[in-house]
């Protein structure tokens, strides 16, 4: 009997720890984000997405990721496409454009421009494809 109680308690503790790790996030508050805005334009017929740094601060090359997700009602969203925005100049500056093509792009997919800093990450833009 004691073994069952101990095993049950251990199982509950393990589930709480795993649940805490799953909920833990490195998302930063919106006010910690750099002052930068982005626009995204989709051409669903050509499976093309264009993302533009529309204004604000220059951001280090490699700190921006463009992610496209398929929203799923029960399961976690599925990543359809992910690109790290790299530039030869070392920074993504206003006016820079990134053009992506992927046959998996579909109308309704969620487009996210996410900035990754030393202390975490934050979304700078979110819209729907097509």
N, C-alpha and C. Protein backbone atom coordinates (compact mmCIF):
# COMPACT_ATOMS: atom_id res chain seq x y z
N UNK A 1 0.82 -1.19 0.00
CA UNK A 1 0.00 0.00 0.00
C UNK A 1 0.87 1.26 0.00
N UNK A 2 1.91 1.29 0.83
CA UNK A 2 2.79 2.46 0.90
C UNK A 2 3.49 2.68 -0.45
N UNK A 3 3.85 1.59 -1.09
CA UNK A 3 4.52 1.72 -2.39
C UNK A 3 3.61 2.39 -3.41
N UNK A 4 2.32 2.07 -3.38
CA UNK A 4 1.37 2.69 -4.30
C UNK A 4 1.21 4.17 -4.02
N UNK A 5 1.14 4.53 -2.75
CA UNK A 5 1.01 5.94 -2.37
C UNK A 5 2.26 6.71 -2.79
N UNK A 6 3.42 6.14 -2.52
CA UNK A 6 4.67 6.79 -2.90
C UNK A 6 4.78 6.92 -4.41
N UNK A 7 4.41 5.88 -5.13
CA UNK A 7 4.46 5.93 -6.59
C UNK A 7 3.47 6.96 -7.14
N UNK A 8 2.28 7.02 -6.53
CA UNK A 8 1.29 8.02 -6.95
C UNK A 8 1.78 9.44 -6.70
N UNK A 9 2.39 9.66 -5.53
CA UNK A 9 2.92 11.00 -5.21
C UNK A 9 4.05 11.37 -6.17
N UNK A 10 4.91 10.42 -6.46
CA UNK A 10 6.01 10.66 -7.40
C UNK A 10 5.48 10.99 -8.79
N UNK A 11 4.45 10.29 -9.21
CA UNK A 11 3.84 10.56 -10.51
C UNK A 11 3.23 11.95 -10.56
N UNK A 12 2.55 12.36 -9.51
CA UNK A 12 1.96 13.71 -9.47
C UNK A 12 3.05 14.77 -9.54
N UNK A 13 4.13 14.59 -8.78
CA UNK A 13 5.24 15.56 -8.81
C UNK A 13 5.84 15.62 -10.21
N UNK A 14 6.04 14.48 -10.84
CA UNK A 14 6.62 14.46 -12.19
C UNK A 14 5.71 15.18 -13.18
N UNK A 15 4.41 14.98 -13.08
CA UNK A 15 3.47 15.66 -13.98
C UNK A 15 3.47 17.17 -13.76
N UNK A 16 3.57 17.60 -12.52
CA UNK A 16 3.61 19.03 -12.23
C UNK A 16 4.88 19.65 -12.80
N UNK A 17 6.00 18.98 -12.63
CA UNK A 17 7.27 19.49 -13.16
C UNK A 17 7.22 19.56 -14.68
N UNK A 18 6.76 18.50 -15.33
CA UNK A 18 6.67 18.51 -16.78
C UNK A 18 5.69 19.56 -17.28
N UNK A 19 4.58 19.72 -16.59
CA UNK A 19 3.62 20.76 -16.96
C UNK A 19 4.22 22.14 -16.83
N UNK A 20 5.00 22.37 -15.79
CA UNK A 20 5.66 23.66 -15.60
C UNK A 20 6.67 23.95 -16.69
N UNK A 21 7.41 22.92 -17.09
CA UNK A 21 8.37 23.11 -18.17
C UNK A 21 7.67 23.40 -19.49
N UNK A 22 6.52 22.77 -19.71
CA UNK A 22 5.79 23.00 -20.95
C UNK A 22 5.23 24.42 -21.00
N UNK A 23 4.78 24.95 -19.87
CA UNK A 23 4.20 26.29 -19.82
C UNK A 23 5.26 27.37 -19.84
N UNK A 24 6.45 27.05 -19.30
CA UNK A 24 7.52 28.04 -19.23
C UNK A 24 7.83 28.56 -20.63
N UNK A 25 8.04 29.85 -20.74
CA UNK A 25 8.30 30.45 -22.04
C UNK A 25 9.40 31.48 -21.92
N UNK A 26 10.02 31.78 -23.04
CA UNK A 26 11.03 32.83 -23.05
C UNK A 26 10.49 34.08 -23.74
N UNK A 27 9.18 34.17 -23.88
CA UNK A 27 8.59 35.35 -24.49
C UNK A 27 8.81 36.57 -23.62
N UNK A 28 9.23 37.63 -24.25
CA UNK A 28 9.43 38.89 -23.55
C UNK A 28 8.14 39.71 -23.61
N UNK A 29 7.95 40.64 -22.68
CA UNK A 29 6.79 41.53 -22.79
C UNK A 29 6.93 42.42 -24.02
N UNK A 30 5.81 42.88 -24.54
CA UNK A 30 5.81 43.70 -25.76
C UNK A 30 6.67 44.95 -25.61
N UNK A 31 6.73 45.53 -24.41
CA UNK A 31 7.52 46.75 -24.23
C UNK A 31 9.03 46.49 -24.26
N UNK A 32 9.45 45.22 -24.23
CA UNK A 32 10.87 44.88 -24.34
C UNK A 32 11.30 44.69 -25.79
N UNK A 33 10.35 44.75 -26.70
CA UNK A 33 10.65 44.56 -28.12
C UNK A 33 11.34 45.79 -28.69
N UNK A 34 12.20 45.59 -29.68
CA UNK A 34 12.78 46.75 -30.36
C UNK A 34 11.70 47.51 -31.12
N UNK A 35 11.93 48.78 -31.32
CA UNK A 35 10.99 49.62 -32.06
C UNK A 35 11.21 49.39 -33.56
N UNK A 36 10.49 48.44 -34.08
CA UNK A 36 10.60 48.11 -35.51
C UNK A 36 9.26 47.56 -35.97
N UNK A 37 8.88 47.93 -37.18
CA UNK A 37 7.61 47.43 -37.73
C UNK A 37 7.88 46.70 -39.04
N UNK A 38 7.01 45.74 -39.32
CA UNK A 38 7.15 44.91 -40.50
C UNK A 38 5.81 44.79 -41.20
N UNK A 39 5.85 44.65 -42.52
CA UNK A 39 4.67 44.39 -43.32
C UNK A 39 4.89 43.07 -44.05
N UNK A 40 3.80 42.34 -44.25
CA UNK A 40 3.88 41.09 -45.00
C UNK A 40 2.80 41.11 -46.07
N UNK A 41 3.18 40.74 -47.28
CA UNK A 41 2.24 40.66 -48.40
C UNK A 41 2.35 39.27 -49.01
N UNK A 42 1.20 38.65 -49.24
CA UNK A 42 1.19 37.29 -49.76
C UNK A 42 0.57 37.24 -51.15
N UNK A 43 1.13 36.40 -51.97
CA UNK A 43 0.55 36.07 -53.27
C UNK A 43 0.28 34.57 -53.25
N UNK A 44 -0.96 34.22 -52.88
CA UNK A 44 -1.31 32.81 -52.70
C UNK A 44 -1.21 32.02 -54.00
N UNK A 45 -1.48 32.67 -55.13
CA UNK A 45 -1.41 31.96 -56.42
C UNK A 45 0.02 31.56 -56.76
N UNK A 46 0.99 32.34 -56.34
CA UNK A 46 2.39 32.06 -56.64
C UNK A 46 3.12 31.43 -55.46
N UNK A 47 2.41 31.13 -54.37
CA UNK A 47 3.04 30.58 -53.16
C UNK A 47 4.19 31.45 -52.68
N UNK A 48 3.97 32.76 -52.73
CA UNK A 48 5.04 33.72 -52.43
C UNK A 48 4.63 34.62 -51.27
N UNK A 49 5.60 34.92 -50.43
CA UNK A 49 5.42 35.82 -49.29
C UNK A 49 6.55 36.83 -49.31
N UNK A 50 6.21 38.11 -49.19
CA UNK A 50 7.20 39.17 -49.12
C UNK A 50 7.06 39.86 -47.78
N UNK A 51 8.15 39.94 -47.03
CA UNK A 51 8.18 40.61 -45.73
C UNK A 51 9.12 41.79 -45.86
N UNK A 52 8.66 42.96 -45.38
CA UNK A 52 9.47 44.18 -45.47
C UNK A 52 9.63 44.81 -44.10
N UNK A 53 10.85 45.25 -43.80
CA UNK A 53 11.11 46.04 -42.59
C UNK A 53 10.57 47.43 -42.91
N UNK A 54 9.43 47.76 -42.33
CA UNK A 54 8.70 48.98 -42.71
C UNK A 54 9.15 50.23 -41.98
N UNK A 55 9.92 50.10 -40.92
CA UNK A 55 10.39 51.28 -40.22
C UNK A 55 10.86 50.97 -38.82
N UNK A 56 11.61 51.90 -38.26
CA UNK A 56 12.11 51.73 -36.91
C UNK A 56 13.58 51.38 -36.89
N UNK A 57 13.97 50.70 -35.83
CA UNK A 57 15.37 50.36 -35.59
C UNK A 57 15.91 49.33 -36.58
N UNK A 58 17.20 49.44 -36.86
CA UNK A 58 17.91 48.37 -37.57
C UNK A 58 18.10 47.23 -36.57
N UNK A 59 17.97 46.00 -37.03
CA UNK A 59 18.09 44.84 -36.16
C UNK A 59 19.22 43.95 -36.65
N UNK A 60 19.97 43.34 -35.74
CA UNK A 60 21.10 42.51 -36.16
C UNK A 60 20.66 41.37 -37.08
N UNK A 61 21.47 41.13 -38.08
CA UNK A 61 21.22 40.02 -39.00
C UNK A 61 21.18 38.73 -38.20
N UNK A 62 20.21 37.90 -38.50
CA UNK A 62 20.07 36.63 -37.80
C UNK A 62 19.18 36.68 -36.57
N UNK A 63 18.78 37.88 -36.13
CA UNK A 63 17.93 37.98 -34.94
C UNK A 63 16.44 37.93 -35.29
N UNK A 64 16.12 37.96 -36.57
CA UNK A 64 14.73 37.94 -37.03
C UNK A 64 14.45 36.61 -37.71
N UNK A 65 13.30 36.04 -37.36
CA UNK A 65 12.84 34.83 -38.02
C UNK A 65 11.45 35.08 -38.58
N UNK A 66 11.23 34.61 -39.80
CA UNK A 66 9.90 34.67 -40.41
C UNK A 66 9.35 33.25 -40.34
N UNK A 67 8.23 33.11 -39.66
CA UNK A 67 7.63 31.80 -39.42
C UNK A 67 6.23 31.77 -39.99
N UNK A 68 5.85 30.66 -40.61
CA UNK A 68 4.50 30.48 -41.13
C UNK A 68 3.93 29.25 -40.45
N UNK A 69 2.75 29.43 -39.84
CA UNK A 69 2.12 28.35 -39.08
C UNK A 69 0.78 27.96 -39.67
N UNK A 70 0.45 26.69 -39.54
CA UNK A 70 -0.89 26.19 -39.81
C UNK A 70 -1.59 26.12 -38.46
N UNK A 71 -2.68 26.87 -38.31
CA UNK A 71 -3.44 26.83 -37.06
C UNK A 71 -4.20 25.51 -37.00
N UNK A 72 -4.08 24.84 -35.87
CA UNK A 72 -4.82 23.59 -35.67
C UNK A 72 -5.63 23.72 -34.39
N UNK A 73 -6.91 23.35 -34.43
CA UNK A 73 -7.78 23.61 -33.29
C UNK A 73 -7.45 22.82 -32.03
N UNK A 74 -7.01 21.58 -32.14
CA UNK A 74 -6.78 20.75 -30.96
C UNK A 74 -5.30 20.59 -30.67
N UNK A 75 -4.52 20.29 -31.68
CA UNK A 75 -3.08 20.09 -31.53
C UNK A 75 -2.36 21.42 -31.58
N UNK A 76 -1.12 21.48 -31.10
CA UNK A 76 -0.35 22.72 -31.25
C UNK A 76 -0.20 23.08 -32.73
N UNK A 77 -0.09 24.39 -33.00
CA UNK A 77 0.08 24.84 -34.38
C UNK A 77 1.31 24.17 -34.99
N UNK A 78 1.21 23.90 -36.28
CA UNK A 78 2.30 23.24 -37.00
C UNK A 78 3.08 24.28 -37.78
N UNK A 79 4.41 24.27 -37.64
CA UNK A 79 5.25 25.17 -38.42
C UNK A 79 5.33 24.65 -39.84
N UNK A 80 4.91 25.51 -40.79
CA UNK A 80 4.95 25.16 -42.20
C UNK A 80 6.27 25.61 -42.82
N UNK A 81 6.77 26.77 -42.38
CA UNK A 81 7.97 27.34 -42.96
C UNK A 81 8.67 28.20 -41.91
N UNK A 82 9.98 28.18 -41.90
CA UNK A 82 10.76 29.05 -41.02
C UNK A 82 12.02 29.50 -41.71
N UNK A 83 12.28 30.79 -41.68
CA UNK A 83 13.48 31.35 -42.30
C UNK A 83 14.13 32.34 -41.35
N UNK A 84 15.43 32.23 -41.18
CA UNK A 84 16.20 33.22 -40.44
C UNK A 84 16.59 34.30 -41.44
N UNK A 85 16.31 35.57 -41.09
CA UNK A 85 16.61 36.68 -41.98
C UNK A 85 18.05 37.11 -41.79
N UNK A 86 18.89 36.73 -42.73
CA UNK A 86 20.32 37.07 -42.72
C UNK A 86 20.58 38.10 -43.82
N UNK A 87 21.49 39.02 -43.57
CA UNK A 87 21.89 39.99 -44.59
C UNK A 87 23.41 40.07 -44.65
N UNK A 88 23.93 40.44 -45.81
CA UNK A 88 25.38 40.63 -45.95
C UNK A 88 25.86 41.85 -45.19
N UNK A 89 24.97 42.83 -45.01
CA UNK A 89 25.34 44.08 -44.34
C UNK A 89 25.43 43.91 -42.82
N UNK A 90 24.92 42.81 -42.28
CA UNK A 90 24.99 42.58 -40.85
C UNK A 90 23.81 43.11 -40.06
N UNK A 91 22.87 43.74 -40.75
CA UNK A 91 21.68 44.27 -40.08
C UNK A 91 20.51 44.28 -41.04
N UNK A 92 19.32 44.11 -40.48
CA UNK A 92 18.08 44.26 -41.25
C UNK A 92 17.62 45.68 -40.99
N UNK A 93 17.58 46.50 -42.04
CA UNK A 93 17.28 47.93 -41.88
C UNK A 93 15.96 48.24 -42.59
N UNK A 94 15.33 49.38 -42.21
CA UNK A 94 14.09 49.76 -42.90
C UNK A 94 14.28 49.78 -44.41
N UNK A 95 13.32 49.21 -45.11
CA UNK A 95 13.38 49.11 -46.56
C UNK A 95 13.85 47.76 -47.05
N UNK A 96 14.52 46.99 -46.19
CA UNK A 96 14.95 45.65 -46.59
C UNK A 96 13.73 44.76 -46.80
N UNK A 97 13.82 43.91 -47.81
CA UNK A 97 12.71 42.99 -48.13
C UNK A 97 13.25 41.57 -48.19
N UNK A 98 12.42 40.66 -47.75
CA UNK A 98 12.73 39.24 -47.82
C UNK A 98 11.61 38.57 -48.59
N UNK A 99 11.96 37.90 -49.68
CA UNK A 99 10.95 37.21 -50.49
C UNK A 99 11.12 35.72 -50.32
N UNK A 100 10.02 35.06 -50.00
CA UNK A 100 10.02 33.62 -49.76
C UNK A 100 9.04 32.94 -50.69
N UNK A 101 9.39 31.76 -51.16
CA UNK A 101 8.49 30.92 -51.95
C UNK A 101 8.46 29.54 -51.33
N UNK A 102 7.25 29.01 -51.18
CA UNK A 102 7.11 27.68 -50.62
C UNK A 102 5.78 27.12 -51.09
N UNK A 103 5.77 25.97 -51.73
CA UNK A 103 4.51 25.40 -52.22
C UNK A 103 3.56 25.00 -51.09
N UNK A 104 4.06 24.98 -49.85
CA UNK A 104 3.21 24.62 -48.71
C UNK A 104 2.39 25.80 -48.19
N UNK A 105 2.69 27.04 -48.65
CA UNK A 105 1.91 28.21 -48.22
C UNK A 105 0.47 28.05 -48.67
N UNK A 106 -0.46 28.32 -47.78
CA UNK A 106 -1.88 28.25 -48.11
C UNK A 106 -2.59 29.44 -47.49
N UNK A 107 -3.68 29.89 -48.12
CA UNK A 107 -4.47 30.96 -47.52
C UNK A 107 -4.90 30.58 -46.10
N UNK A 108 -4.81 31.53 -45.20
CA UNK A 108 -5.19 31.30 -43.82
C UNK A 108 -4.04 30.96 -42.90
N UNK A 109 -2.88 30.60 -43.44
CA UNK A 109 -1.73 30.35 -42.58
C UNK A 109 -1.36 31.64 -41.85
N UNK A 110 -0.82 31.49 -40.66
CA UNK A 110 -0.42 32.63 -39.83
C UNK A 110 1.05 32.96 -40.10
N UNK A 111 1.33 34.23 -40.42
CA UNK A 111 2.68 34.71 -40.68
C UNK A 111 3.15 35.49 -39.46
N UNK A 112 4.31 35.12 -38.92
CA UNK A 112 4.84 35.77 -37.72
C UNK A 112 6.27 36.22 -38.01
N UNK A 113 6.57 37.48 -37.69
CA UNK A 113 7.94 37.98 -37.72
C UNK A 113 8.36 38.06 -36.26
N UNK A 114 9.36 37.28 -35.88
CA UNK A 114 9.75 37.15 -34.47
C UNK A 114 11.20 37.57 -34.30
N UNK A 115 11.42 38.41 -33.29
CA UNK A 115 12.76 38.88 -32.94
C UNK A 115 13.27 38.07 -31.77
N UNK A 116 14.53 37.61 -31.87
CA UNK A 116 15.16 36.84 -30.81
C UNK A 116 16.33 37.64 -30.25
N UNK A 117 16.21 38.02 -28.98
CA UNK A 117 17.27 38.74 -28.30
C UNK A 117 17.97 37.84 -27.30
N UNK A 118 18.90 38.41 -26.54
CA UNK A 118 19.65 37.63 -25.56
C UNK A 118 18.77 37.08 -24.44
N UNK A 119 17.72 37.82 -24.07
CA UNK A 119 16.89 37.44 -22.93
C UNK A 119 15.57 36.77 -23.31
N UNK A 120 15.31 36.61 -24.59
CA UNK A 120 14.06 35.98 -25.00
C UNK A 120 13.64 36.45 -26.38
N UNK A 121 12.37 36.24 -26.68
CA UNK A 121 11.86 36.56 -28.01
C UNK A 121 10.51 37.25 -27.90
N UNK A 122 10.14 37.96 -28.98
CA UNK A 122 8.84 38.63 -29.02
C UNK A 122 8.42 38.76 -30.48
N UNK A 123 7.12 38.66 -30.72
CA UNK A 123 6.59 38.84 -32.07
C UNK A 123 6.54 40.32 -32.40
N UNK A 124 7.06 40.68 -33.58
CA UNK A 124 7.01 42.06 -34.06
C UNK A 124 5.89 42.27 -35.07
N UNK A 125 5.42 41.18 -35.66
CA UNK A 125 4.36 41.26 -36.67
C UNK A 125 3.62 39.93 -36.71
N UNK A 126 2.31 40.00 -36.92
CA UNK A 126 1.52 38.79 -37.11
C UNK A 126 0.37 39.11 -38.05
N UNK A 127 0.19 38.27 -39.06
CA UNK A 127 -0.91 38.46 -40.02
C UNK A 127 -1.27 37.09 -40.61
N UNK A 128 -2.22 37.10 -41.54
CA UNK A 128 -2.65 35.87 -42.20
C UNK A 128 -2.15 35.85 -43.64
N UNK A 129 -1.76 34.68 -44.11
CA UNK A 129 -1.30 34.52 -45.48
C UNK A 129 -2.52 34.51 -46.40
N UNK A 130 -2.43 35.28 -47.47
CA UNK A 130 -3.45 35.29 -48.50
C UNK A 130 -4.68 35.98 -48.09
